[in-house]
Amino acid sequence: MASQTAQQAAQQKELARKLEEYIEKIHYSDRYSDDEFEYRHVILPKQLLKMVPKDYFGPDDSGVLRLLTETEWRGIGITQSLGWEHYEVHAPEPHVLLFRRAKDFVAPTQHTAARFKDTRRK
């Protein structure tokens, strides 16, 4: 039993090492925009795409990701500033995720967040 536990721990450690290696290879495009939105695409290494939880994919077994929530895309290693939303999938290239945010997006500051908290308490 102890050797099986040690083997599982070693497998998990190796999986975490591979995941970290793949996350370092995520490619973030430059930003581009139109009148309304700022855009960018994120290219996942294909090996990382294979490690994404199965429930993140569409129900039709096409191998295409569904639109992910911010918690989900951050959970697979994508790191971006606030305000981005995963808004589109491109079936021919399921490892490419398309993001957008409002062109005039301004992230809330700690000062603003603290002031908001204070007004809610009153």
PDB file of N, CA and C in Angstrom:
ATOM      1  N   MET A   1       0.817  -1.190   0.000  1.00  0.00           N
ATOM      2  CA  MET A   1       0.000   0.000   0.000  1.00  0.00           C
ATOM      3  C   MET A   1       0.864   1.258   0.000  1.00  0.00           C
ATOM      4  N   ALA A   2       1.925   1.252   0.804  1.00  0.00           N
ATOM      5  CA  ALA A   2       2.813   2.420   0.894  1.00  0.00           C
ATOM      6  C   ALA A   2       3.501   2.678  -0.443  1.00  0.00           C
ATOM      7  N   SER A   3       3.896   1.591  -1.126  1.00  0.00           N
ATOM      8  CA  SER A   3       4.564   1.783  -2.416  1.00  0.00           C
ATOM      9  C   SER A   3       3.600   2.324  -3.466  1.00  0.00           C
ATOM     10  N   GLN A   4       2.325   1.920  -3.366  1.00  0.00           N
ATOM     11  CA  GLN A   4       1.323   2.435  -4.300  1.00  0.00           C
ATOM     12  C   GLN A   4       1.091   3.925  -4.048  1.00  0.00           C
ATOM     13  N   THR A   5       1.044   4.341  -2.799  1.00  0.00           N
ATOM     14  CA  THR A   5       0.890   5.744  -2.452  1.00  0.00           C
ATOM     15  C   THR A   5       2.086   6.548  -2.932  1.00  0.00           C
ATOM     16  N   ALA A   6       3.282   6.009  -2.746  1.00  0.00           N
ATOM     17  CA  ALA A   6       4.498   6.680  -3.203  1.00  0.00           C
ATOM     18  C   ALA A   6       4.498   6.792  -4.726  1.00  0.00           C
ATOM     19  N   GLN A   7       4.022   5.758  -5.395  1.00  0.00           N
ATOM     20  CA  GLN A   7       3.961   5.778  -6.861  1.00  0.00           C
ATOM     21  C   GLN A   7       2.959   6.838  -7.337  1.00  0.00           C
ATOM     22  N   GLN A   8       1.810   6.929  -6.669  1.00  0.00           N
ATOM     23  CA  GLN A   8       0.815   7.940  -7.031  1.00  0.00           C
ATOM     24  C   GLN A   8       1.361   9.345  -6.798  1.00  0.00           C
ATOM     25  N   ALA A   9       2.075   9.523  -5.703  1.00  0.00           N
ATOM     26  CA  ALA A   9       2.668  10.828  -5.397  1.00  0.00           C
ATOM     27  C   ALA A   9       3.695  11.201  -6.462  1.00  0.00           C
ATOM     28  N   ALA A  10       4.480  10.235  -6.899  1.00  0.00           N
ATOM     29  CA  ALA A  10       5.483  10.483  -7.936  1.00  0.00           C
ATOM     30  C   ALA A  10       4.810  10.836  -9.261  1.00  0.00           C
ATOM     31  N   GLN A  11       3.713  10.154  -9.574  1.00  0.00           N
ATOM     32  CA  GLN A  11       2.979  10.451 -10.811  1.00  0.00           C
ATOM     33  C   GLN A  11       2.382  11.858 -10.761  1.00  0.00           C
ATOM     34  N   GLN A  12       1.824  12.240  -9.620  1.00  0.00           N
ATOM     35  CA  GLN A  12       1.258  13.578  -9.476  1.00  0.00           C
ATOM     36  C   GLN A  12       2.342  14.644  -9.593  1.00  0.00           C
ATOM     37  N   LYS A  13       3.501  14.367  -9.023  1.00  0.00           N
ATOM     38  CA  LYS A  13       4.614  15.316  -9.096  1.00  0.00           C
ATOM     39  C   LYS A  13       5.071  15.488 -10.549  1.00  0.00           C
ATOM     40  N   GLU A  14       5.141  14.396 -11.270  1.00  0.00           N
ATOM     41  CA  GLU A  14       5.538  14.454 -12.681  1.00  0.00           C
ATOM     42  C   GLU A  14       4.492  15.196 -13.513  1.00  0.00           C
ATOM     43  N   LEU A  15       3.227  14.958 -13.223  1.00  0.00           N
ATOM     44  CA  LEU A  15       2.149  15.653 -13.920  1.00  0.00           C
ATOM     45  C   LEU A  15       2.223  17.160 -13.656  1.00  0.00           C
ATOM     46  N   ALA A  16       2.461  17.536 -12.411  1.00  0.00           N
ATOM     47  CA  ALA A  16       2.588  18.960 -12.059  1.00  0.00           C
ATOM     48  C   ALA A  16       3.790  19.581 -12.759  1.00  0.00           C
ATOM     49  N   ARG A  17       4.897  18.850 -12.867  1.00  0.00           N
ATOM     50  CA  ARG A  17       6.094  19.353 -13.555  1.00  0.00           C
ATOM     51  C   ARG A  17       5.796  19.591 -15.036  1.00  0.00           C
ATOM     52  N   LYS A  18       5.125  18.629 -15.670  1.00  0.00           N
ATOM     53  CA  LYS A  18       4.771  18.773 -17.086  1.00  0.00           C
ATOM     54  C   LYS A  18       3.814  19.941 -17.291  1.00  0.00           C
ATOM     55  N   LEU A  19       2.828  20.052 -16.411  1.00  0.00           N
ATOM     56  CA  LEU A  19       1.860  21.143 -16.514  1.00  0.00           C
ATOM     57  C   LEU A  19       2.573  22.484 -16.434  1.00  0.00           C
ATOM     58  N   GLU A  20       3.481  22.630 -15.494  1.00  0.00           N
ATOM     59  CA  GLU A  20       4.236  23.873 -15.334  1.00  0.00           C
ATOM     60  C   GLU A  20       5.067  24.163 -16.592  1.00  0.00           C
ATOM     61  N   GLU A  21       5.655  23.145 -17.149  1.00  0.00           N
ATOM     62  CA  GLU A  21       6.453  23.290 -18.379  1.00  0.00           C
ATOM     63  C   GLU A  21       5.580  23.765 -19.539  1.00  0.00           C
ATOM     64  N   TYR A  22       4.391  23.194 -19.675  1.00  0.00           N
ATOM     65  CA  TYR A  22       3.486  23.583 -20.752  1.00  0.00           C
ATOM     66  C   TYR A  22       2.958  25.000 -20.551  1.00  0.00           C
ATOM     67  N   ILE A  23       2.647  25.354 -19.300  1.00  0.00           N
ATOM     68  CA  ILE A  23       2.134  26.693 -19.009  1.00  0.00           C
ATOM     69  C   ILE A  23       3.147  27.754 -19.420  1.00  0.00           C
ATOM     70  N   GLU A  24       4.422  27.465 -19.223  1.00  0.00           N
ATOM     71  CA  GLU A  24       5.466  28.415 -19.617  1.00  0.00           C
ATOM     72  C   GLU A  24       5.503  28.629 -21.128  1.00  0.00           C
ATOM     73  N   LYS A  25       4.929  27.715 -21.890  1.00  0.00           N
ATOM     74  CA  LYS A  25       4.950  27.802 -23.353  1.00  0.00           C
ATOM     75  C   LYS A  25       3.676  28.402 -23.944  1.00  0.00           C
ATOM     76  N   ILE A  26       2.759  28.860 -23.103  1.00  0.00           N
ATOM     77  CA  ILE A  26       1.547  29.514 -23.611  1.00  0.00           C
ATOM     78  C   ILE A  26       1.960  30.797 -24.326  1.00  0.00           C
ATOM     79  N   HIS A  27       1.412  31.014 -25.514  1.00  0.00           N
ATOM     80  CA  HIS A  27       1.734  32.207 -26.302  1.00  0.00           C
ATOM     81  C   HIS A  27       0.570  33.199 -26.228  1.00  0.00           C
ATOM     82  N   TYR A  28       0.903  34.442 -25.908  1.00  0.00           N
ATOM     83  CA  TYR A  28      -0.074  35.518 -25.845  1.00  0.00           C
ATOM     84  C   TYR A  28       0.188  36.474 -27.006  1.00  0.00           C
ATOM     85  N   SER A  29      -0.816  36.699 -27.832  1.00  0.00           N
ATOM     86  CA  SER A  29      -0.640  37.610 -28.962  1.00  0.00           C
ATOM     87  C   SER A  29      -0.572  39.047 -28.469  1.00  0.00           C
ATOM     88  N   ASP A  30      -0.121  39.909 -29.362  1.00  0.00           N
ATOM     89  CA  ASP A  30      -0.245  41.343 -29.100  1.00  0.00           C
ATOM     90  C   ASP A  30      -1.736  41.672 -29.110  1.00  0.00           C
ATOM     91  N   ARG A  31      -2.069  42.779 -28.524  1.00  0.00           N
ATOM     92  CA  ARG A  31      -3.464  43.223 -28.508  1.00  0.00           C
ATOM     93  C   ARG A  31      -3.789  43.932 -29.811  1.00  0.00           C
ATOM     94  N   TYR A  32      -5.016  43.791 -30.245  1.00  0.00           N
ATOM     95  CA  TYR A  32      -5.507  44.513 -31.409  1.00  0.00           C
ATOM     96  C   TYR A  32      -6.928  44.948 -31.074  1.00  0.00           C
ATOM     97  N   SER A  33      -7.459  45.932 -31.789  1.00  0.00           N
ATOM     98  CA  SER A  33      -8.753  46.468 -31.370  1.00  0.00           C
ATOM     99  C   SER A  33      -9.579  46.971 -32.539  1.00  0.00           C
ATOM    100  N   ASP A  34     -10.851  47.171 -32.237  1.00  0.00           N
ATOM    101  CA  ASP A  34     -11.762  47.875 -33.135  1.00  0.00           C
ATOM    102  C   ASP A  34     -12.335  49.041 -32.320  1.00  0.00           C
ATOM    103  N   ASP A  35     -13.443  49.594 -32.732  1.00  0.00           N
ATOM    104  CA  ASP A  35     -13.997  50.744 -32.013  1.00  0.00           C
ATOM    105  C   ASP A  35     -14.529  50.392 -30.630  1.00  0.00           C
ATOM    106  N   GLU A  36     -14.902  49.139 -30.429  1.00  0.00           N
ATOM    107  CA  GLU A  36     -15.576  48.751 -29.198  1.00  0.00           C
ATOM    108  C   GLU A  36     -14.718  47.894 -28.255  1.00  0.00           C
ATOM    109  N   PHE A  37     -13.934  46.975 -28.819  1.00  0.00           N
ATOM    110  CA  PHE A  37     -13.208  46.006 -28.009  1.00  0.00           C
ATOM    111  C   PHE A  37     -11.713  45.993 -28.298  1.00  0.00           C
ATOM    112  N   GLU A  38     -10.994  45.499 -27.318  1.00  0.00           N
ATOM    113  CA  GLU A  38      -9.582  45.161 -27.430  1.00  0.00           C
ATOM    114  C   GLU A  38      -9.561  43.630 -27.476  1.00  0.00           C
ATOM    115  N   TYR A  39      -8.732  43.056 -28.338  1.00  0.00           N
ATOM    116  CA  TYR A  39      -8.711  41.611 -28.526  1.00  0.00           C
ATOM    117  C   TYR A  39      -7.299  41.070 -28.349  1.00  0.00           C
ATOM    118  N   ARG A  40      -7.244  39.794 -28.095  1.00  0.00           N
ATOM    119  CA  ARG A  40      -5.983  39.058 -28.158  1.00  0.00           C
ATOM    120  C   ARG A  40      -6.327  37.583 -28.267  1.00  0.00           C
ATOM    121  N   HIS A  41      -5.407  36.835 -28.783  1.00  0.00           N
ATOM    122  CA  HIS A  41      -5.608  35.391 -28.791  1.00  0.00           C
ATOM    123  C   HIS A  41      -4.493  34.742 -27.982  1.00  0.00           C
ATOM    124  N   VAL A  42      -4.832  33.607 -27.421  1.00  0.00           N
ATOM    125  CA  VAL A  42      -3.902  32.855 -26.586  1.00  0.00           C
ATOM    126  C   VAL A  42      -3.782  31.471 -27.199  1.00  0.00           C
ATOM    127  N   ILE A  43      -2.548  31.068 -27.437  1.00  0.00           N
ATOM    128  CA  ILE A  43      -2.312  29.761 -28.048  1.00  0.00           C
ATOM    129  C   ILE A  43      -1.752  28.821 -26.988  1.00  0.00           C
ATOM    130  N   LEU A  44      -2.519  27.774 -26.714  1.00  0.00           N
ATOM    131  CA  LEU A  44      -2.073  26.772 -25.751  1.00  0.00           C
ATOM    132  C   LEU A  44      -1.193  25.752 -26.452  1.00  0.00           C
ATOM    133  N   PRO A  45      -0.133  25.282 -25.789  1.00  0.00           N
ATOM    134  CA  PRO A  45       0.608  24.158 -26.354  1.00  0.00           C
ATOM    135  C   PRO A  45      -0.368  22.974 -26.503  1.00  0.00           C
ATOM    136  N   LYS A  46      -0.270  22.245 -27.571  1.00  0.00           N
ATOM    137  CA  LYS A  46      -1.213  21.146 -27.801  1.00  0.00           C
ATOM    138  C   LYS A  46      -1.157  20.110 -26.686  1.00  0.00           C
ATOM    139  N   GLN A  47       0.021  19.932 -26.069  1.00  0.00           N
ATOM    140  CA  GLN A  47       0.133  18.988 -24.956  1.00  0.00           C
ATOM    141  C   GLN A  47      -0.694  19.468 -23.759  1.00  0.00           C
ATOM    142  N   LEU A  48      -0.747  20.790 -23.549  1.00  0.00           N
ATOM    143  CA  LEU A  48      -1.543  21.342 -22.460  1.00  0.00           C
ATOM    144  C   LEU A  48      -3.028  21.140 -22.737  1.00  0.00           C
ATOM    145  N   LEU A  49      -3.427  21.310 -23.984  1.00  0.00           N
ATOM    146  CA  LEU A  49      -4.831  21.112 -24.355  1.00  0.00           C
ATOM    147  C   LEU A  49      -5.277  19.699 -23.991  1.00  0.00           C
ATOM    148  N   LYS A  50      -4.385  18.732 -24.121  1.00  0.00           N
ATOM    149  CA  LYS A  50      -4.712  17.339 -23.786  1.00  0.00           C
ATOM    150  C   LYS A  50      -4.920  17.149 -22.285  1.00  0.00           C
ATOM    151  N   MET A  51      -4.422  18.091 -21.465  1.00  0.00           N
ATOM    152  CA  MET A  51      -4.544  17.982 -20.011  1.00  0.00           C
ATOM    153  C   MET A  51      -5.746  18.757 -19.461  1.00  0.00           C
ATOM    154  N   VAL A  52      -6.425  19.487 -20.312  1.00  0.00           N
ATOM    155  CA  VAL A  52      -7.585  20.278 -19.896  1.00  0.00           C
ATOM    156  C   VAL A  52      -8.722  19.321 -19.514  1.00  0.00           C
ATOM    157  N   PRO A  53      -9.428  19.609 -18.427  1.00  0.00           N
ATOM    158  CA  PRO A  53     -10.532  18.730 -18.013  1.00  0.00           C
ATOM    159  C   PRO A  53     -11.543  18.508 -19.143  1.00  0.00           C
ATOM    160  N   LYS A  54     -12.034  17.300 -19.231  1.00  0.00           N
ATOM    161  CA  LYS A  54     -12.961  16.925 -20.316  1.00  0.00           C
ATOM    162  C   LYS A  54     -14.235  17.764 -20.321  1.00  0.00           C
ATOM    163  N   ASP A  55     -14.683  18.216 -19.136  1.00  0.00           N
ATOM    164  CA  ASP A  55     -15.925  18.997 -19.111  1.00  0.00           C
ATOM    165  C   ASP A  55     -15.742  20.423 -19.617  1.00  0.00           C
ATOM    166  N   TYR A  56     -14.520  20.795 -19.995  1.00  0.00           N
ATOM    167  CA  TYR A  56     -14.270  22.104 -20.596  1.00  0.00           C
ATOM    168  C   TYR A  56     -14.511  22.069 -22.111  1.00  0.00           C
ATOM    169  N   PHE A  57     -14.766  20.894 -22.633  1.00  0.00           N
ATOM    170  CA  PHE A  57     -14.995  20.732 -24.066  1.00  0.00           C
ATOM    171  C   PHE A  57     -16.483  20.660 -24.352  1.00  0.00           C
ATOM    172  N   GLY A  58     -16.834  20.984 -25.583  1.00  0.00           N
ATOM    173  CA  GLY A  58     -18.237  20.927 -25.992  1.00  0.00           C
ATOM    174  C   GLY A  58     -18.777  19.518 -25.860  1.00  0.00           C
ATOM    175  N   PRO A  59     -20.092  19.380 -25.726  1.00  0.00           N
ATOM    176  CA  PRO A  59     -20.705  18.056 -25.516  1.00  0.00           C
ATOM    177  C   PRO A  59     -20.731  17.173 -26.760  1.00  0.00           C
ATOM    178  N   ASP A  60     -20.338  17.719 -27.905  1.00  0.00           N
ATOM    179  CA  ASP A  60     -20.458  16.972 -29.164  1.00  0.00           C
ATOM    180  C   ASP A  60     -19.232  16.139 -29.520  1.00  0.00           C
ATOM    181  N   ASP A  61     -18.252  16.026 -28.612  1.00  0.00           N
ATOM    182  CA  ASP A  61     -17.035  15.238 -28.858  1.00  0.00           C
ATOM    183  C   ASP A  61     -16.220  15.729 -30.051  1.00  0.00           C
ATOM    184  N   SER A  62     -16.343  17.010 -30.396  1.00  0.00           N
ATOM    185  CA  SER A  62     -15.597  17.557 -31.527  1.00  0.00           C
ATOM    186  C   SER A  62     -14.160  17.918 -31.135  1.00  0.00           C
ATOM    187  N   GLY A  63     -13.876  17.925 -29.835  1.00  0.00           N
ATOM    188  CA  GLY A  63     -12.547  18.312 -29.378  1.00  0.00           C
ATOM    189  C   GLY A  63     -12.369  19.818 -29.283  1.00  0.00           C
ATOM    190  N   VAL A  64     -13.463  20.567 -29.399  1.00  0.00           N
ATOM    191  CA  VAL A  64     -13.416  22.023 -29.334  1.00  0.00           C
ATOM    192  C   VAL A  64     -13.831  22.464 -27.930  1.00  0.00           C
ATOM    193  N   LEU A  65     -13.061  23.372 -27.369  1.00  0.00           N
ATOM    194  CA  LEU A  65     -13.404  23.912 -26.055  1.00  0.00           C
ATOM    195  C   LEU A  65     -14.712  24.682 -26.122  1.00  0.00           C
ATOM    196  N   ARG A  66     -15.478  24.629 -25.062  1.00  0.00           N
ATOM    197  CA  ARG A  66     -16.624  25.520 -24.933  1.00  0.00           C
ATOM    198  C   ARG A  66     -16.083  26.857 -24.424  1.00  0.00           C
ATOM    199  N   LEU A  67     -16.914  27.883 -24.343  1.00  0.00           N
ATOM    200  CA  LEU A  67     -16.467  29.153 -23.785  1.00  0.00           C
ATOM    201  C   LEU A  67     -16.201  28.952 -22.298  1.00  0.00           C
ATOM    202  N   LEU A  68     -15.031  29.382 -21.853  1.00  0.00           N
ATOM    203  CA  LEU A  68     -14.622  29.161 -20.470  1.00  0.00           C
ATOM    204  C   LEU A  68     -14.847  30.401 -19.620  1.00  0.00           C
ATOM    205  N   THR A  69     -15.159  30.179 -18.360  1.00  0.00           N
ATOM    206  CA  THR A  69     -15.275  31.288 -17.414  1.00  0.00           C
ATOM    207  C   THR A  69     -13.859  31.750 -17.060  1.00  0.00           C
ATOM    208  N   GLU A  70     -13.771  32.917 -16.456  1.00  0.00           N
ATOM    209  CA  GLU A  70     -12.459  33.419 -16.048  1.00  0.00           C
ATOM    210  C   GLU A  70     -11.774  32.451 -15.090  1.00  0.00           C
ATOM    211  N   THR A  71     -12.506  31.894 -14.155  1.00  0.00           N
ATOM    212  CA  THR A  71     -11.931  30.934 -13.209  1.00  0.00           C
ATOM    213  C   THR A  71     -11.384  29.716 -13.944  1.00  0.00           C
ATOM    214  N   GLU A  72     -12.100  29.247 -14.954  1.00  0.00           N
ATOM    215  CA  GLU A  72     -11.663  28.071 -15.707  1.00  0.00           C
ATOM    216  C   GLU A  72     -10.398  28.351 -16.511  1.00  0.00           C
ATOM    217  N   TRP A  73     -10.382  29.469 -17.283  1.00  0.00           N
ATOM    218  CA  TRP A  73      -9.192  29.702 -18.103  1.00  0.00           C
ATOM    219  C   TRP A  73      -7.982  30.058 -17.249  1.00  0.00           C
ATOM    220  N   ARG A  74      -8.203  30.727 -16.134  1.00  0.00           N
ATOM    221  CA  ARG A  74      -7.071  30.970 -15.229  1.00  0.00           C
ATOM    222  C   ARG A  74      -6.598  29.648 -14.615  1.00  0.00           C
ATOM    223  N   GLY A  75      -7.530  28.749 -14.366  1.00  0.00           N
ATOM    224  CA  GLY A  75      -7.210  27.454 -13.770  1.00  0.00           C
ATOM    225  C   GLY A  75      -6.358  26.554 -14.645  1.00  0.00           C
ATOM    226  N   ILE A  76      -6.368  26.781 -15.948  1.00  0.00           N
ATOM    227  CA  ILE A  76      -5.505  25.974 -16.829  1.00  0.00           C
ATOM    228  C   ILE A  76      -4.193  26.686 -17.142  1.00  0.00           C
ATOM    229  N   GLY A  77      -3.947  27.802 -16.454  1.00  0.00           N
ATOM    230  CA  GLY A  77      -2.644  28.443 -16.558  1.00  0.00           C
ATOM    231  C   GLY A  77      -2.578  29.725 -17.364  1.00  0.00           C
ATOM    232  N   ILE A  78      -3.695  30.182 -17.897  1.00  0.00           N
ATOM    233  CA  ILE A  78      -3.695  31.435 -18.654  1.00  0.00           C
ATOM    234  C   ILE A  78      -3.679  32.601 -17.667  1.00  0.00           C
ATOM    235  N   THR A  79      -2.742  33.511 -17.855  1.00  0.00           N
ATOM    236  CA  THR A  79      -2.648  34.677 -16.974  1.00  0.00           C
ATOM    237  C   THR A  79      -2.753  35.944 -17.811  1.00  0.00           C
ATOM    238  N   GLN A  80      -3.716  36.770 -17.458  1.00  0.00           N
ATOM    239  CA  GLN A  80      -3.931  38.049 -18.124  1.00  0.00           C
ATOM    240  C   GLN A  80      -4.422  39.042 -17.079  1.00  0.00           C
ATOM    241  N   SER A  81      -4.342  40.309 -17.425  1.00  0.00           N
ATOM    242  CA  SER A  81      -4.885  41.334 -16.546  1.00  0.00           C
ATOM    243  C   SER A  81      -6.404  41.188 -16.483  1.00  0.00           C
ATOM    244  N   LEU A  82      -7.032  41.960 -15.637  1.00  0.00           N
ATOM    245  CA  LEU A  82      -8.478  41.867 -15.437  1.00  0.00           C
ATOM    246  C   LEU A  82      -9.265  42.357 -16.652  1.00  0.00           C
ATOM    247  N   GLY A  83     -10.492  41.866 -16.754  1.00  0.00           N
ATOM    248  CA  GLY A  83     -11.419  42.360 -17.760  1.00  0.00           C
ATOM    249  C   GLY A  83     -11.557  41.509 -19.006  1.00  0.00           C
ATOM    250  N   TRP A  84     -10.693  40.536 -19.206  1.00  0.00           N
ATOM    251  CA  TRP A  84     -10.738  39.712 -20.412  1.00  0.00           C
ATOM    252  C   TRP A  84     -11.820  38.650 -20.295  1.00  0.00           C
ATOM    253  N   GLU A  85     -12.495  38.390 -21.417  1.00  0.00           N
ATOM    254  CA  GLU A  85     -13.463  37.298 -21.470  1.00  0.00           C
ATOM    255  C   GLU A  85     -13.151  36.412 -22.671  1.00  0.00           C
ATOM    256  N   HIS A  86     -13.301  35.114 -22.476  1.00  0.00           N
ATOM    257  CA  HIS A  86     -13.163  34.144 -23.560  1.00  0.00           C
ATOM    258  C   HIS A  86     -14.472  34.213 -24.342  1.00  0.00           C
ATOM    259  N   TYR A  87     -14.401  34.738 -25.563  1.00  0.00           N
ATOM    260  CA  TYR A  87     -15.642  35.028 -26.287  1.00  0.00           C
ATOM    261  C   TYR A  87     -15.858  34.185 -27.533  1.00  0.00           C
ATOM    262  N   GLU A  88     -14.843  33.436 -27.965  1.00  0.00           N
ATOM    263  CA  GLU A  88     -14.993  32.717 -29.223  1.00  0.00           C
ATOM    264  C   GLU A  88     -14.071  31.505 -29.254  1.00  0.00           C
ATOM    265  N   VAL A  89     -14.537  30.477 -29.950  1.00  0.00           N
ATOM    266  CA  VAL A  89     -13.702  29.305 -30.217  1.00  0.00           C
ATOM    267  C   VAL A  89     -13.583  29.161 -31.729  1.00  0.00           C
ATOM    268  N   HIS A  90     -12.500  28.558 -32.149  1.00  0.00           N
ATOM    269  CA  HIS A  90     -12.241  28.379 -33.578  1.00  0.00           C
ATOM    270  C   HIS A  90     -11.988  26.897 -33.798  1.00  0.00           C
ATOM    271  N   ALA A  91     -13.000  26.196 -34.293  1.00  0.00           N
ATOM    272  CA  ALA A  91     -12.953  24.736 -34.391  1.00  0.00           C
ATOM    273  C   ALA A  91     -11.698  24.182 -35.081  1.00  0.00           C
ATOM    274  N   PRO A  92     -11.236  24.768 -36.184  1.00  0.00           N
ATOM    275  CA  PRO A  92     -10.045  24.195 -36.823  1.00  0.00           C
ATOM    276  C   PRO A  92      -8.786  24.242 -35.940  1.00  0.00           C
ATOM    277  N   GLU A  93      -8.769  25.158 -34.965  1.00  0.00           N
ATOM    278  CA  GLU A  93      -7.607  25.285 -34.082  1.00  0.00           C
ATOM    279  C   GLU A  93      -8.085  25.362 -32.624  1.00  0.00           C
ATOM    280  N   PRO A  94      -8.462  24.218 -32.042  1.00  0.00           N
ATOM    281  CA  PRO A  94      -9.038  24.247 -30.695  1.00  0.00           C
ATOM    282  C   PRO A  94      -8.069  24.712 -29.613  1.00  0.00           C
ATOM    283  N   HIS A  95      -6.787  24.770 -29.921  1.00  0.00           N
ATOM    284  CA  HIS A  95      -5.793  25.226 -28.945  1.00  0.00           C
ATOM    285  C   HIS A  95      -5.633  26.758 -28.950  1.00  0.00           C
ATOM    286  N   VAL A  96      -6.389  27.440 -29.821  1.00  0.00           N
ATOM    287  CA  VAL A  96      -6.356  28.910 -29.886  1.00  0.00           C
ATOM    288  C   VAL A  96      -7.628  29.446 -29.231  1.00  0.00           C
ATOM    289  N   LEU A  97      -7.460  30.227 -28.172  1.00  0.00           N
ATOM    290  CA  LEU A  97      -8.587  30.819 -27.456  1.00  0.00           C
ATOM    291  C   LEU A  97      -8.625  32.308 -27.773  1.00  0.00           C
ATOM    292  N   LEU A  98      -9.791  32.819 -28.102  1.00  0.00           N
ATOM    293  CA  LEU A  98      -9.959  34.225 -28.464  1.00  0.00           C
ATOM    294  C   LEU A  98     -10.573  34.984 -27.293  1.00  0.00           C
ATOM    295  N   PHE A  99      -9.935  36.091 -26.932  1.00  0.00           N
ATOM    296  CA  PHE A  99     -10.361  36.901 -25.792  1.00  0.00           C
ATOM    297  C   PHE A  99     -10.647  38.327 -26.240  1.00  0.00           C
ATOM    298  N   ARG A 100     -11.502  38.995 -25.477  1.00  0.00           N
ATOM    299  CA  ARG A 100     -11.780  40.406 -25.713  1.00  0.00           C
ATOM    300  C   ARG A 100     -12.115  41.070 -24.377  1.00  0.00           C
ATOM    301  N   ARG A 101     -12.004  42.387 -24.384  1.00  0.00           N
ATOM    302  CA  ARG A 101     -12.493  43.193 -23.267  1.00  0.00           C
ATOM    303  C   ARG A 101     -12.835  44.568 -23.816  1.00  0.00           C
ATOM    304  N   ALA A 102     -13.645  45.297 -23.075  1.00  0.00           N
ATOM    305  CA  ALA A 102     -14.052  46.632 -23.508  1.00  0.00           C
ATOM    306  C   ALA A 102     -12.814  47.485 -23.741  1.00  0.00           C
ATOM    307  N   LYS A 103     -12.844  48.240 -24.819  1.00  0.00           N
ATOM    308  CA  LYS A 103     -11.682  49.048 -25.182  1.00  0.00           C
ATOM    309  C   LYS A 103     -11.321  50.054 -24.101  1.00  0.00           C
ATOM    310  N   ASP A 104     -12.323  50.562 -23.398  1.00  0.00           N
ATOM    311  CA  ASP A 104     -12.072  51.558 -22.356  1.00  0.00           C
ATOM    312  C   ASP A 104     -12.032  50.934 -20.950  1.00  0.00           C
ATOM    313  N   PHE A 105     -11.757  49.628 -20.858  1.00  0.00           N
ATOM    314  CA  PHE A 105     -11.751  48.937 -19.569  1.00  0.00           C
ATOM    315  C   PHE A 105     -10.694  49.526 -18.638  1.00  0.00           C
ATOM    316  N   VAL A 106     -11.108  49.792 -17.410  1.00  0.00           N
ATOM    317  CA  VAL A 106     -10.188  50.250 -16.377  1.00  0.00           C
ATOM    318  C   VAL A 106     -10.371  49.318 -15.190  1.00  0.00           C
ATOM    319  N   ALA A 107      -9.296  48.662 -14.790  1.00  0.00           N
ATOM    320  CA  ALA A 107      -9.369  47.746 -13.652  1.00  0.00           C
ATOM    321  C   ALA A 107      -9.631  48.530 -12.381  1.00  0.00           C
ATOM    322  N   PRO A 108     -10.474  47.998 -11.507  1.00  0.00           N
ATOM    323  CA  PRO A 108     -10.712  48.697 -10.240  1.00  0.00           C
ATOM    324  C   PRO A 108      -9.424  48.730  -9.418  1.00  0.00           C
ATOM    325  N   THR A 109      -9.195  49.842  -8.763  1.00  0.00           N
ATOM    326  CA  THR A 109      -8.001  49.945  -7.926  1.00  0.00           C
ATOM    327  C   THR A 109      -8.342  49.512  -6.513  1.00  0.00           C
ATOM    328  N   GLN A 110      -7.333  49.248  -5.716  1.00  0.00           N
ATOM    329  CA  GLN A 110      -7.569  48.852  -4.329  1.00  0.00           C
ATOM    330  C   GLN A 110      -8.284  49.975  -3.581  1.00  0.00           C
ATOM    331  N   HIS A 111      -7.908  51.207  -3.883  1.00  0.00           N
ATOM    332  CA  HIS A 111      -8.528  52.350  -3.220  1.00  0.00           C
ATOM    333  C   HIS A 111     -10.029  52.391  -3.531  1.00  0.00           C
ATOM    334  N   THR A 112     -10.376  52.198  -4.794  1.00  0.00           N
ATOM    335  CA  THR A 112     -11.774  52.205  -5.195  1.00  0.00           C
ATOM    336  C   THR A 112     -12.511  51.043  -4.545  1.00  0.00           C
ATOM    337  N   ALA A 113     -11.899  49.871  -4.535  1.00  0.00           N
ATOM    338  CA  ALA A 113     -12.535  48.706  -3.921  1.00  0.00           C
ATOM    339  C   ALA A 113     -12.746  48.926  -2.429  1.00  0.00           C
ATOM    340  N   ALA A 114     -11.778  49.514  -1.745  1.00  0.00           N
ATOM    341  CA  ALA A 114     -11.906  49.780  -0.310  1.00  0.00           C
ATOM    342  C   ALA A 114     -13.011  50.799  -0.060  1.00  0.00           C
ATOM    343  N   ARG A 115     -13.082  51.824  -0.888  1.00  0.00           N
ATOM    344  CA  ARG A 115     -14.116  52.845  -0.734  1.00  0.00           C
ATOM    345  C   ARG A 115     -15.498  52.234  -0.952  1.00  0.00           C
ATOM    346  N   PHE A 116     -15.599  51.334  -1.931  1.00  0.00           N
ATOM    347  CA  PHE A 116     -16.864  50.662  -2.208  1.00  0.00           C
ATOM    348  C   PHE A 116     -17.287  49.830  -1.004  1.00  0.00           C
ATOM    349  N   LYS A 117     -16.342  49.110  -0.413  1.00  0.00           N
ATOM    350  CA  LYS A 117     -16.637  48.309   0.783  1.00  0.00           C
ATOM    351  C   LYS A 117     -17.169  49.183   1.899  1.00  0.00           C
ATOM    352  N   ASP A 118     -16.544  50.334   2.120  1.00  0.00           N
ATOM    353  CA  ASP A 118     -16.957  51.240   3.187  1.00  0.00           C
ATOM    354  C   ASP A 118     -18.382  51.727   2.989  1.00  0.00           C
ATOM    355  N   THR A 119     -18.768  52.022   1.759  1.00  0.00           N
ATOM    356  CA  THR A 119     -20.118  52.531   1.516  1.00  0.00           C
ATOM    357  C   THR A 119     -21.149  51.429   1.699  1.00  0.00           C
ATOM    358  N   ARG A 120     -20.786  50.195   1.470  1.00  0.00           N
ATOM    359  CA  ARG A 120     -21.739  49.093   1.630  1.00  0.00           C
ATOM    360  C   ARG A 120     -22.010  48.820   3.114  1.00  0.00           C
ATOM    361  N   ARG A 121     -21.046  49.092   3.968  1.00  0.00           N
ATOM    362  CA  ARG A 121     -21.210  48.828   5.401  1.00  0.00           C
ATOM    363  C   ARG A 121     -22.187  49.792   6.050  1.00  0.00           C
ATOM    364  N   LYS A 122     -22.311  50.966   5.517  1.00  0.00           N
ATOM    365  CA  LYS A 122     -23.146  52.005   6.144  1.00  0.00           C
ATOM    366  C   LYS A 122     -24.618  51.723   6.037  1.00  0.00           C
TER     367      LYS A 122
END
